[in-house]
């Protein structure tokens, strides 16, 4: 695992993507942004290898599940350890697992909640100290 935590944020709401990215960058994260699903997929398949992928569910005409599917199909060394979907749509009876993600948030997203969940998740999958 990299010493500097990394993430890719994909959201067609540019202001939200930038605000979320700035929040995590201010905490020492290496953040890449994508405003389209195609940009996110190109970064993922181009070897970006973020620890965390945060993607909107509806990215223009593309479904964010396509971004998640591409991320999940990468070789293990390039695959994000954690996938988060955010959406502006209320989704009744839908869970993160239904969308092949680890967490599902409805906008507006509180970045401190996201940070807490990321920290807990990554701590739970970290290898034990040698």
C-alpha atoms as a PDB file:
ATOM      1  CA  UNK A   1       0.000   0.000   0.000  1.00  0.00           C
ATOM      2  CA  UNK A   2       1.273   3.485  -0.866  1.00  0.00           C
ATOM      3  CA  UNK A   3       2.475   5.707   1.980  1.00  0.00           C
ATOM      4  CA  UNK A   4       0.295   8.526   0.625  1.00  0.00           C
ATOM      5  CA  UNK A   5      -3.353   7.491   0.379  1.00  0.00           C
ATOM      6  CA  UNK A   6      -4.874   8.002  -3.052  1.00  0.00           C
ATOM      7  CA  UNK A   7      -8.315   8.326  -4.567  1.00  0.00           C
ATOM      8  CA  UNK A   8     -10.123   8.960  -7.819  1.00  0.00           C
ATOM      9  CA  UNK A   9     -13.281  11.063  -7.634  1.00  0.00           C
ATOM     10  CA  UNK A  10     -15.649  10.875 -10.606  1.00  0.00           C
ATOM     11  CA  UNK A  11     -18.633  13.213 -10.654  1.00  0.00           C
ATOM     12  CA  UNK A  12     -20.142  15.300 -13.425  1.00  0.00           C
ATOM     13  CA  UNK A  13     -21.021  17.946 -10.840  1.00  0.00           C
ATOM     14  CA  UNK A  14     -17.631  19.646 -11.152  1.00  0.00           C
ATOM     15  CA  UNK A  15     -18.058  21.838  -8.089  1.00  0.00           C
ATOM     16  CA  UNK A  16     -18.787  18.834  -5.863  1.00  0.00           C
ATOM     17  CA  UNK A  17     -15.888  16.860  -7.332  1.00  0.00           C
ATOM     18  CA  UNK A  18     -13.489  19.755  -6.742  1.00  0.00           C
ATOM     19  CA  UNK A  19     -14.752  20.457  -3.205  1.00  0.00           C
ATOM     20  CA  UNK A  20     -14.488  16.810  -2.204  1.00  0.00           C
ATOM     21  CA  UNK A  21     -11.066  16.570  -3.850  1.00  0.00           C
ATOM     22  CA  UNK A  22      -9.808  19.694  -2.078  1.00  0.00           C
ATOM     23  CA  UNK A  23     -11.036  18.352   1.264  1.00  0.00           C
ATOM     24  CA  UNK A  24      -9.142  15.085   0.899  1.00  0.00           C
ATOM     25  CA  UNK A  25      -6.060  16.769  -0.609  1.00  0.00           C
ATOM     26  CA  UNK A  26      -5.930  19.069   2.436  1.00  0.00           C
ATOM     27  CA  UNK A  27      -5.678  15.936   4.568  1.00  0.00           C
ATOM     28  CA  UNK A  28      -2.728  14.585   2.596  1.00  0.00           C
ATOM     29  CA  UNK A  29      -4.526  12.432   0.053  1.00  0.00           C
ATOM     30  CA  UNK A  30      -3.326  12.261  -3.544  1.00  0.00           C
ATOM     31  CA  UNK A  31      -6.524  13.032  -5.473  1.00  0.00           C
ATOM     32  CA  UNK A  32      -7.314  12.566  -9.160  1.00  0.00           C
ATOM     33  CA  UNK A  33     -10.535  13.952 -10.613  1.00  0.00           C
ATOM     34  CA  UNK A  34     -12.689  12.832 -13.525  1.00  0.00           C
ATOM     35  CA  UNK A  35     -15.746  14.720 -14.698  1.00  0.00           C
ATOM     36  CA  UNK A  36     -16.943  11.954 -17.037  1.00  0.00           C
ATOM     37  CA  UNK A  37     -17.129   8.200 -16.763  1.00  0.00           C
ATOM     38  CA  UNK A  38     -14.886   7.934 -19.789  1.00  0.00           C
ATOM     39  CA  UNK A  39     -12.203  10.023 -18.063  1.00  0.00           C
ATOM     40  CA  UNK A  40     -12.426   7.858 -14.947  1.00  0.00           C
ATOM     41  CA  UNK A  41     -12.193   4.633 -16.933  1.00  0.00           C
ATOM     42  CA  UNK A  42      -9.220   5.969 -18.919  1.00  0.00           C
ATOM     43  CA  UNK A  43      -7.404   6.834 -15.691  1.00  0.00           C
ATOM     44  CA  UNK A  44      -8.192   3.473 -14.123  1.00  0.00           C
ATOM     45  CA  UNK A  45      -7.184   1.418 -17.152  1.00  0.00           C
ATOM     46  CA  UNK A  46      -4.158   3.664 -17.666  1.00  0.00           C
ATOM     47  CA  UNK A  47      -2.633   2.491 -14.384  1.00  0.00           C
ATOM     48  CA  UNK A  48      -3.744   5.144 -11.878  1.00  0.00           C
ATOM     49  CA  UNK A  49      -4.349   2.508  -9.132  1.00  0.00           C
ATOM     50  CA  UNK A  50      -6.149   4.614  -6.480  1.00  0.00           C
ATOM     51  CA  UNK A  51      -6.837   3.039  -3.110  1.00  0.00           C
ATOM     52  CA  UNK A  52     -10.322   4.564  -3.143  1.00  0.00           C
ATOM     53  CA  UNK A  53     -12.759   5.188  -5.989  1.00  0.00           C
ATOM     54  CA  UNK A  54     -15.630   7.600  -5.380  1.00  0.00           C
ATOM     55  CA  UNK A  55     -18.062   7.819  -8.285  1.00  0.00           C
ATOM     56  CA  UNK A  56     -21.437   9.350  -8.920  1.00  0.00           C
ATOM     57  CA  UNK A  57     -24.134   6.873  -9.876  1.00  0.00           C
ATOM     58  CA  UNK A  58     -25.434   9.007 -12.749  1.00  0.00           C
ATOM     59  CA  UNK A  59     -22.616  10.600 -14.722  1.00  0.00           C
ATOM     60  CA  UNK A  60     -24.296  12.309 -17.620  1.00  0.00           C
ATOM     61  CA  UNK A  61     -25.743   9.601 -19.832  1.00  0.00           C
ATOM     62  CA  UNK A  62     -23.481   6.927 -18.329  1.00  0.00           C
ATOM     63  CA  UNK A  63     -24.256   4.802 -15.318  1.00  0.00           C
ATOM     64  CA  UNK A  64     -21.583   4.924 -12.609  1.00  0.00           C
ATOM     65  CA  UNK A  65     -21.900   1.164 -12.322  1.00  0.00           C
ATOM     66  CA  UNK A  66     -19.860   0.991 -15.530  1.00  0.00           C
ATOM     67  CA  UNK A  67     -17.006   2.818 -13.775  1.00  0.00           C
ATOM     68  CA  UNK A  68     -17.326   0.425 -10.822  1.00  0.00           C
ATOM     69  CA  UNK A  69     -17.351  -2.623 -13.117  1.00  0.00           C
ATOM     70  CA  UNK A  70     -14.200  -1.415 -14.876  1.00  0.00           C
ATOM     71  CA  UNK A  71     -12.488  -0.784 -11.528  1.00  0.00           C
ATOM     72  CA  UNK A  72     -13.480  -4.207 -10.181  1.00  0.00           C
ATOM     73  CA  UNK A  73     -12.175  -5.917 -13.352  1.00  0.00           C
ATOM     74  CA  UNK A  74      -8.664  -4.516 -12.991  1.00  0.00           C
ATOM     75  CA  UNK A  75      -5.789  -6.735 -11.855  1.00  0.00           C
ATOM     76  CA  UNK A  76      -5.573  -6.818  -8.044  1.00  0.00           C
ATOM     77  CA  UNK A  77      -2.539  -4.503  -7.894  1.00  0.00           C
ATOM     78  CA  UNK A  78      -4.466  -1.791  -9.777  1.00  0.00           C
ATOM     79  CA  UNK A  79      -7.915  -2.358  -8.292  1.00  0.00           C
ATOM     80  CA  UNK A  80      -9.223   0.159  -5.708  1.00  0.00           C
ATOM     81  CA  UNK A  81      -9.495  -1.373  -2.231  1.00  0.00           C
ATOM     82  CA  UNK A  82     -12.662   0.627  -1.620  1.00  0.00           C
ATOM     83  CA  UNK A  83     -15.454   1.733  -3.957  1.00  0.00           C
ATOM     84  CA  UNK A  84     -17.953   4.398  -2.935  1.00  0.00           C
ATOM     85  CA  UNK A  85     -21.003   5.461  -4.936  1.00  0.00           C
ATOM     86  CA  UNK A  86     -22.663   8.809  -4.360  1.00  0.00           C
ATOM     87  CA  UNK A  87     -25.993   9.749  -5.863  1.00  0.00           C
ATOM     88  CA  UNK A  88     -28.421  12.620  -5.913  1.00  0.00           C
ATOM     89  CA  UNK A  89     -31.314  10.194  -6.253  1.00  0.00           C
ATOM     90  CA  UNK A  90     -33.122   8.705  -3.294  1.00  0.00           C
ATOM     91  CA  UNK A  91     -32.952   4.960  -3.719  1.00  0.00           C
ATOM     92  CA  UNK A  92     -35.350   2.954  -1.602  1.00  0.00           C
ATOM     93  CA  UNK A  93     -34.338  -0.591  -0.689  1.00  0.00           C
ATOM     94  CA  UNK A  94     -31.018  -0.329  -2.548  1.00  0.00           C
ATOM     95  CA  UNK A  95     -27.809  -1.118  -0.709  1.00  0.00           C
ATOM     96  CA  UNK A  96     -24.176  -0.519  -1.579  1.00  0.00           C
ATOM     97  CA  UNK A  97     -23.804  -4.248  -2.269  1.00  0.00           C
ATOM     98  CA  UNK A  98     -26.600  -4.053  -4.849  1.00  0.00           C
ATOM     99  CA  UNK A  99     -24.375  -1.638  -6.775  1.00  0.00           C
ATOM    100  CA  UNK A 100     -21.159  -3.654  -6.227  1.00  0.00           C
ATOM    101  CA  UNK A 101     -19.790  -0.913  -4.003  1.00  0.00           C
ATOM    102  CA  UNK A 102     -18.641  -0.776  -0.413  1.00  0.00           C
ATOM    103  CA  UNK A 103     -20.545   2.368   0.584  1.00  0.00           C
ATOM    104  CA  UNK A 104     -23.500   4.258  -0.861  1.00  0.00           C
ATOM    105  CA  UNK A 105     -24.196   7.906   0.005  1.00  0.00           C
ATOM    106  CA  UNK A 106     -27.032  10.192  -1.014  1.00  0.00           C
ATOM    107  CA  UNK A 107     -26.047  13.785  -1.801  1.00  0.00           C
ATOM    108  CA  UNK A 108     -25.337  16.087  -0.139  1.00  0.00           C
ATOM    109  CA  UNK A 109     -22.362  14.137   1.161  1.00  0.00           C
ATOM    110  CA  UNK A 110     -20.647  15.062   4.413  1.00  0.00           C
ATOM    111  CA  UNK A 111     -16.943  14.517   3.693  1.00  0.00           C
ATOM    112  CA  UNK A 112     -16.178  13.832   7.353  1.00  0.00           C
ATOM    113  CA  UNK A 113     -18.564  10.866   7.260  1.00  0.00           C
ATOM    114  CA  UNK A 114     -16.889   9.628   4.095  1.00  0.00           C
ATOM    115  CA  UNK A 115     -13.452  10.045   5.690  1.00  0.00           C
ATOM    116  CA  UNK A 116     -14.527   8.119   8.798  1.00  0.00           C
ATOM    117  CA  UNK A 117     -15.919   5.256   6.715  1.00  0.00           C
ATOM    118  CA  UNK A 118     -12.818   5.165   4.513  1.00  0.00           C
ATOM    119  CA  UNK A 119     -10.536   5.065   7.557  1.00  0.00           C
ATOM    120  CA  UNK A 120     -12.506   2.278   9.213  1.00  0.00           C
ATOM    121  CA  UNK A 121     -12.693   0.231   6.017  1.00  0.00           C
ATOM    122  CA  UNK A 122      -9.018   0.563   5.099  1.00  0.00           C
ATOM    123  CA  UNK A 123      -7.989  -0.248   8.674  1.00  0.00           C
ATOM    124  CA  UNK A 124     -10.088  -3.418   8.540  1.00  0.00           C
ATOM    125  CA  UNK A 125      -8.376  -4.659   5.350  1.00  0.00           C
ATOM    126  CA  UNK A 126      -4.832  -3.552   6.205  1.00  0.00           C
ATOM    127  CA  UNK A 127      -2.318  -6.338   6.648  1.00  0.00           C
ATOM    128  CA  UNK A 128      -1.209  -6.909  10.239  1.00  0.00           C
ATOM    129  CA  UNK A 129       2.044  -5.217  11.231  1.00  0.00           C
ATOM    130  CA  UNK A 130       5.138  -7.338  10.757  1.00  0.00           C
END
